[in-house]
C-alpha atoms as a PDB file:
ATOM      1  CA  MET A   1     -11.620 -49.986 109.421  1.00  0.00           C
ATOM      2  CA  LYS A   2     -15.331 -49.560 110.545  1.00  0.00           C
ATOM      3  CA  ARG A   3     -16.829 -52.891 109.900  1.00  0.00           C
ATOM      4  CA  ALA A   4     -20.612 -54.157 109.807  1.00  0.00           C
ATOM      5  CA  VAL A   5     -21.767 -57.637 110.576  1.00  0.00           C
ATOM      6  CA  ILE A   6     -26.115 -57.947 108.946  1.00  0.00           C
ATOM      7  CA  ILE A   7     -27.333 -61.359 110.679  1.00  0.00           C
ATOM      8  CA  HIS A   8     -30.382 -61.810 108.659  1.00  0.00           C
ATOM      9  CA  ALA A   9     -33.906 -63.468 109.688  1.00  0.00           C
ATOM     10  CA  TRP A  10     -35.052 -67.328 109.990  1.00  0.00           C
ATOM     11  CA  GLU A  11     -35.142 -67.554 106.257  1.00  0.00           C
ATOM     12  CA  GLY A  12     -33.304 -65.174 105.077  1.00  0.00           C
ATOM     13  CA  TYR A  13     -30.558 -64.538 103.173  1.00  0.00           C
ATOM     14  CA  PRO A  14     -27.719 -62.248 101.789  1.00  0.00           C
ATOM     15  CA  LYS A  15     -29.552 -60.656  99.327  1.00  0.00           C
ATOM     16  CA  TYR A  16     -32.765 -60.535 100.611  1.00  0.00           C
ATOM     17  CA  CYS A  17     -35.177 -57.280 101.724  1.00  0.00           C
ATOM     18  CA  TRP A  18     -33.031 -54.435 103.005  1.00  0.00           C
ATOM     19  CA  TYR A  19     -29.749 -56.421 103.691  1.00  0.00           C
ATOM     20  CA  PRO A  20     -28.085 -55.359 100.008  1.00  0.00           C
ATOM     21  CA  GLN A  21     -29.096 -51.585 100.288  1.00  0.00           C
ATOM     22  CA  THR A  22     -27.926 -50.743 103.793  1.00  0.00           C
ATOM     23  CA  LYS A  23     -25.189 -53.028 102.298  1.00  0.00           C
ATOM     24  CA  LYS A  24     -24.055 -50.706  99.885  1.00  0.00           C
ATOM     25  CA  GLU A  25     -24.401 -47.577 101.787  1.00  0.00           C
ATOM     26  CA  LEU A  26     -22.309 -48.277 104.320  1.00  0.00           C
ATOM     27  CA  GLU A  27     -20.416 -49.396 101.669  1.00  0.00           C
ATOM     28  CA  LYS A  28     -20.038 -46.103 100.342  1.00  0.00           C
ATOM     29  CA  LYS A  29     -18.974 -44.700 103.757  1.00  0.00           C
ATOM     30  CA  GLY A  30     -16.395 -46.353 104.320  1.00  0.00           C
ATOM     31  CA  PHE A  31     -17.470 -49.516 105.792  1.00  0.00           C
ATOM     32  CA  GLU A  32     -16.159 -53.021 105.388  1.00  0.00           C
ATOM     33  CA  VAL A  33     -19.936 -54.926 105.489  1.00  0.00           C
ATOM     34  CA  GLN A  34     -20.891 -58.860 105.559  1.00  0.00           C
ATOM     35  CA  VAL A  35     -23.966 -60.298 105.644  1.00  0.00           C
ATOM     36  CA  PRO A  36     -22.728 -64.210 106.250  1.00  0.00           C
ATOM     37  CA  GLU A  37     -25.338 -66.918 104.969  1.00  0.00           C
ATOM     38  CA  MET A  38     -26.542 -68.912 108.323  1.00  0.00           C
ATOM     39  CA  PRO A  39     -26.424 -72.161 108.400  1.00  0.00           C
ATOM     40  CA  GLU A  40     -29.931 -73.863 108.119  1.00  0.00           C
ATOM     41  CA  THR A  41     -31.871 -70.984 107.987  1.00  0.00           C
ATOM     42  CA  ALA A  42     -34.771 -72.647 107.390  1.00  0.00           C
ATOM     43  CA  ASN A  43     -34.591 -75.641 110.738  1.00  0.00           C
ATOM     44  CA  PRO A  44     -32.308 -72.167 112.489  1.00  0.00           C
ATOM     45  CA  LYS A  45     -29.965 -73.744 115.032  1.00  0.00           C
ATOM     46  CA  LEU A  46     -27.832 -71.871 117.722  1.00  0.00           C
ATOM     47  CA  SER A  47     -25.343 -74.142 117.883  1.00  0.00           C
ATOM     48  CA  GLY A  48     -24.964 -73.781 113.996  1.00  0.00           C
ATOM     49  CA  TRP A  49     -25.626 -69.884 113.749  1.00  0.00           C
ATOM     50  CA  LEU A  50     -23.477 -68.597 116.901  1.00  0.00           C
ATOM     51  CA  PRO A  51     -20.363 -70.449 115.627  1.00  0.00           C
ATOM     52  CA  LYS A  52     -21.203 -68.637 111.894  1.00  0.00           C
ATOM     53  CA  LEU A  53     -20.448 -65.508 113.855  1.00  0.00           C
ATOM     54  CA  LYS A  54     -18.333 -65.766 115.602  1.00  0.00           C
ATOM     55  CA  GLU A  55     -16.463 -67.058 112.853  1.00  0.00           C
ATOM     56  CA  THR A  56     -17.450 -64.390 110.386  1.00  0.00           C
ATOM     57  CA  ILE A  57     -16.236 -61.536 113.114  1.00  0.00           C
ATOM     58  CA  LYS A  58     -13.154 -62.966 114.164  1.00  0.00           C
ATOM     59  CA  ASN A  59     -11.548 -60.131 116.438  1.00  0.00           C
ATOM     60  CA  PRO A  60     -14.534 -58.484 118.127  1.00  0.00           C
ATOM     61  CA  ASP A  61     -13.670 -54.235 118.816  1.00  0.00           C
ATOM     62  CA  GLU A  62     -15.020 -50.987 119.239  1.00  0.00           C
ATOM     63  CA  ASN A  63     -15.116 -50.631 115.631  1.00  0.00           C
ATOM     64  CA  LEU A  64     -17.193 -53.098 114.703  1.00  0.00           C
ATOM     65  CA  PHE A  65     -20.991 -52.819 114.278  1.00  0.00           C
ATOM     66  CA  LEU A  66     -24.268 -55.882 114.619  1.00  0.00           C
ATOM     67  CA  VAL A  67     -26.982 -55.695 112.874  1.00  0.00           C
ATOM     68  CA  GLY A  68     -29.547 -58.173 113.649  1.00  0.00           C
ATOM     69  CA  HIS A  69     -33.097 -58.904 111.697  1.00  0.00           C
ATOM     70  CA  SER A  70     -35.267 -60.918 113.811  1.00  0.00           C
ATOM     71  CA  LEU A  71     -33.972 -63.948 114.791  1.00  0.00           C
ATOM     72  CA  GLY A  72     -30.453 -62.556 113.966  1.00  0.00           C
ATOM     73  CA  CYS A  73     -30.844 -59.893 117.041  1.00  0.00           C
ATOM     74  CA  ILE A  74     -30.913 -63.094 119.208  1.00  0.00           C
ATOM     75  CA  THR A  75     -27.986 -64.924 117.588  1.00  0.00           C
ATOM     76  CA  ILE A  76     -26.484 -61.345 118.321  1.00  0.00           C
ATOM     77  CA  MET A  77     -27.506 -60.957 121.498  1.00  0.00           C
ATOM     78  CA  ARG A  78     -25.991 -64.910 122.822  1.00  0.00           C
ATOM     79  CA  TYR A  79     -22.337 -63.500 120.898  1.00  0.00           C
ATOM     80  CA  LEU A  80     -22.152 -60.821 123.084  1.00  0.00           C
ATOM     81  CA  GLU A  81     -23.066 -62.752 126.014  1.00  0.00           C
ATOM     82  CA  SER A  82     -19.984 -65.392 125.069  1.00  0.00           C
ATOM     83  CA  LEU A  83     -17.458 -61.922 124.909  1.00  0.00           C
ATOM     84  CA  SER A  84     -15.076 -61.705 127.611  1.00  0.00           C
ATOM     85  CA  GLY A  85     -15.222 -58.801 130.349  1.00  0.00           C
ATOM     86  CA  LYS A  86     -12.747 -56.256 128.165  1.00  0.00           C
ATOM     87  CA  GLU A  87     -14.028 -57.152 124.702  1.00  0.00           C
ATOM     88  CA  LYS A  88     -17.010 -54.920 123.717  1.00  0.00           C
ATOM     89  CA  VAL A  89     -18.448 -53.811 119.693  1.00  0.00           C
ATOM     90  CA  GLY A  90     -18.986 -50.417 118.745  1.00  0.00           C
ATOM     91  CA  GLY A  91     -22.772 -50.934 118.674  1.00  0.00           C
ATOM     92  CA  VAL A  92     -25.818 -52.612 118.051  1.00  0.00           C
ATOM     93  CA  VAL A  93     -28.934 -52.383 116.127  1.00  0.00           C
ATOM     94  CA  PHE A  94     -31.584 -55.121 116.609  1.00  0.00           C
ATOM     95  CA  VAL A  95     -34.700 -54.724 113.750  1.00  0.00           C
ATOM     96  CA  ALA A  96     -37.494 -56.394 114.812  1.00  0.00           C
ATOM     97  CA  GLY A  97     -35.800 -58.350 118.019  1.00  0.00           C
ATOM     98  CA  PHE A  98     -37.378 -60.906 120.105  1.00  0.00           C
ATOM     99  CA  THR A  99     -36.445 -62.111 123.490  1.00  0.00           C
ATOM    100  CA  ASP A 100     -38.490 -65.729 123.225  1.00  0.00           C
ATOM    101  CA  ASP A 101     -39.575 -67.759 120.819  1.00  0.00           C
ATOM    102  CA  LEU A 102     -42.656 -66.372 120.126  1.00  0.00           C
ATOM    103  CA  GLY A 103     -44.093 -69.377 120.029  1.00  0.00           C
ATOM    104  CA  PHE A 104     -42.283 -71.345 117.343  1.00  0.00           C
ATOM    105  CA  LYS A 105     -40.885 -74.264 118.629  1.00  0.00           C
ATOM    106  CA  GLU A 106     -38.545 -74.156 115.781  1.00  0.00           C
ATOM    107  CA  LEU A 107     -36.540 -71.389 117.471  1.00  0.00           C
ATOM    108  CA  THR A 108     -37.097 -72.651 120.935  1.00  0.00           C
ATOM    109  CA  ASN A 109     -33.158 -73.879 121.026  1.00  0.00           C
ATOM    110  CA  PHE A 110     -32.202 -70.305 120.531  1.00  0.00           C
ATOM    111  CA  PHE A 111     -33.704 -69.666 124.263  1.00  0.00           C
ATOM    112  CA  THR A 112     -33.055 -72.864 126.196  1.00  0.00           C
ATOM    113  CA  LYS A 113     -31.071 -70.842 129.112  1.00  0.00           C
ATOM    114  CA  PRO A 114     -32.380 -66.926 129.658  1.00  0.00           C
ATOM    115  CA  ILE A 115     -30.688 -63.996 128.179  1.00  0.00           C
ATOM    116  CA  ASN A 116     -27.780 -62.845 130.923  1.00  0.00           C
ATOM    117  CA  PHE A 117     -28.969 -59.021 130.024  1.00  0.00           C
ATOM    118  CA  GLU A 118     -26.117 -57.754 131.857  1.00  0.00           C
ATOM    119  CA  LYS A 119     -23.815 -59.697 129.528  1.00  0.00           C
ATOM    120  CA  VAL A 120     -25.417 -59.084 126.443  1.00  0.00           C
ATOM    121  CA  LYS A 121     -24.958 -54.572 127.462  1.00  0.00           C
ATOM    122  CA  ARG A 122     -21.525 -54.926 128.888  1.00  0.00           C
ATOM    123  CA  GLY A 123     -20.759 -56.201 125.239  1.00  0.00           C
ATOM    124  CA  ALA A 124     -21.894 -52.736 123.008  1.00  0.00           C
ATOM    125  CA  LYS A 125     -21.084 -49.349 123.847  1.00  0.00           C
ATOM    126  CA  SER A 126     -24.570 -48.580 121.931  1.00  0.00           C
ATOM    127  CA  PHE A 127     -27.589 -49.986 121.033  1.00  0.00           C
ATOM    128  CA  CYS A 128     -30.688 -49.195 118.733  1.00  0.00           C
ATOM    129  CA  ALA A 129     -34.372 -51.271 118.234  1.00  0.00           C
ATOM    130  CA  ILE A 130     -36.358 -50.486 114.969  1.00  0.00           C
ATOM    131  CA  ASN A 131     -39.472 -51.834 115.221  1.00  0.00           C
ATOM    132  CA  SER A 132     -43.183 -51.813 113.701  1.00  0.00           C
ATOM    133  CA  ASP A 133     -46.439 -51.300 115.223  1.00  0.00           C
ATOM    134  CA  ASN A 134     -47.901 -53.449 113.189  1.00  0.00           C
ATOM    135  CA  ASP A 135     -45.321 -55.844 112.831  1.00  0.00           C
ATOM    136  CA  PRO A 136     -47.312 -59.290 112.964  1.00  0.00           C
ATOM    137  CA  TYR A 137     -45.055 -61.631 115.299  1.00  0.00           C
ATOM    138  CA  VAL A 138     -42.945 -59.065 116.945  1.00  0.00           C
ATOM    139  CA  SER A 139     -44.600 -56.920 120.052  1.00  0.00           C
ATOM    140  CA  LEU A 140     -43.656 -53.146 119.946  1.00  0.00           C
ATOM    141  CA  GLU A 141     -42.974 -54.295 123.554  1.00  0.00           C
ATOM    142  CA  TYR A 142     -39.803 -56.235 122.564  1.00  0.00           C
ATOM    143  CA  GLY A 143     -38.986 -52.794 121.526  1.00  0.00           C
ATOM    144  CA  LYS A 144     -39.250 -51.445 124.524  1.00  0.00           C
ATOM    145  CA  GLU A 145     -38.022 -54.196 126.671  1.00  0.00           C
ATOM    146  CA  PHE A 146     -34.524 -53.513 124.788  1.00  0.00           C
ATOM    147  CA  GLU A 147     -34.809 -49.225 125.826  1.00  0.00           C
ATOM    148  CA  LYS A 148     -35.339 -50.554 128.904  1.00  0.00           C
ATOM    149  CA  LYS A 149     -32.625 -53.119 128.896  1.00  0.00           C
ATOM    150  CA  PHE A 150     -30.187 -52.107 127.251  1.00  0.00           C
ATOM    151  CA  GLY A 151     -30.995 -48.113 126.790  1.00  0.00           C
ATOM    152  CA  ALA A 152     -31.362 -49.022 123.037  1.00  0.00           C
ATOM    153  CA  LYS A 153     -32.742 -45.695 121.224  1.00  0.00           C
ATOM    154  CA  LEU A 154     -36.184 -47.035 120.421  1.00  0.00           C
ATOM    155  CA  ILE A 155     -37.373 -46.402 116.548  1.00  0.00           C
ATOM    156  CA  VAL A 156     -40.513 -46.464 115.756  1.00  0.00           C
ATOM    157  CA  LYS A 157     -41.968 -47.455 112.443  1.00  0.00           C
ATOM    158  CA  HIS A 158     -45.525 -47.091 110.843  1.00  0.00           C
ATOM    159  CA  LYS A 159     -47.015 -50.080 109.414  1.00  0.00           C
ATOM    160  CA  MET A 160     -43.986 -51.722 108.208  1.00  0.00           C
ATOM    161  CA  GLY A 161     -45.027 -55.345 109.158  1.00  0.00           C
ATOM    162  CA  HIS A 162     -41.623 -57.371 110.205  1.00  0.00           C
ATOM    163  CA  PHE A 163     -39.423 -55.551 107.568  1.00  0.00           C
ATOM    164  CA  SER A 164     -39.155 -58.704 105.223  1.00  0.00           C
ATOM    165  CA  GLY A 165     -40.912 -59.697 102.269  1.00  0.00           C
ATOM    166  CA  PRO A 166     -42.481 -63.011 100.515  1.00  0.00           C
ATOM    167  CA  ILE A 167     -41.011 -65.110 103.466  1.00  0.00           C
ATOM    168  CA  ASP A 168     -42.985 -63.219 105.562  1.00  0.00           C
ATOM    169  CA  ASP A 169     -45.871 -62.684 103.086  1.00  0.00           C
ATOM    170  CA  GLU A 170     -45.330 -59.263 103.215  1.00  0.00           C
ATOM    171  CA  LYS A 171     -44.517 -56.557 100.094  1.00  0.00           C
ATOM    172  CA  SER A 172     -40.711 -56.412 100.225  1.00  0.00           C
ATOM    173  CA  CYS A 173     -38.772 -53.865 102.281  1.00  0.00           C
ATOM    174  CA  THR A 174     -35.996 -52.842 100.422  1.00  0.00           C
ATOM    175  CA  SER A 175     -35.112 -50.139 102.166  1.00  0.00           C
ATOM    176  CA  LEU A 176     -34.193 -48.745 105.874  1.00  0.00           C
ATOM    177  CA  PRO A 177     -32.291 -45.604 105.719  1.00  0.00           C
ATOM    178  CA  GLU A 178     -32.578 -46.110 109.637  1.00  0.00           C
ATOM    179  CA  VAL A 179     -29.850 -48.716 110.134  1.00  0.00           C
ATOM    180  CA  THR A 180     -27.621 -47.222 108.061  1.00  0.00           C
ATOM    181  CA  ALA A 181     -28.170 -43.800 110.160  1.00  0.00           C
ATOM    182  CA  SER A 182     -28.148 -45.386 113.489  1.00  0.00           C
ATOM    183  CA  VAL A 183     -24.747 -47.213 112.887  1.00  0.00           C
ATOM    184  CA  LEU A 184     -23.385 -44.370 111.476  1.00  0.00           C
ATOM    185  CA  LYS A 185     -24.406 -42.682 114.612  1.00  0.00           C
ATOM    186  CA  MET A 186     -22.851 -45.254 116.663  1.00  0.00           C
ATOM    187  CA  ALA A 187     -19.957 -45.029 114.505  1.00  0.00           C
ATOM    188  CA  ARG A 188     -19.039 -41.215 114.947  1.00  0.00           C
END
């Protein structure tokens, strides 16, 4: 059975922005989809988020596809770093992902050690990065970094902000079909 796990953004929750629509679309295609509520989302700690992701996934395999939004992306990278050399997931979609704390002291605990890009890359068969050209938090340069470091397919959306909603003072992004399309392409 093909599975997908969507990891929400800082201050996000399972029914926020485009997560419910993506979950519904993937379930229609036969996926088992989970959108876990991450702990202490207002004051996130890697020490809580990473164990929650591991507990949700249980057994990683190539029928598992991970989707991260914003802070969910670094959580996925830390997860992939933790895999044994023999474990690998089918694919990863990073939406508005980044590789440093963006200047937010609340996020520094996710970046206490450098990202091991080689281990992350070994942990998945394929990668996709979806970024906006006007994200107020995450520069398009991060998408280009994922393209370079992981061979990620980079999808640049025009004027989509942080693909978020009220948490980020944006009009809600309730549909992001590129996520579903990317997962389906990876799952072939």
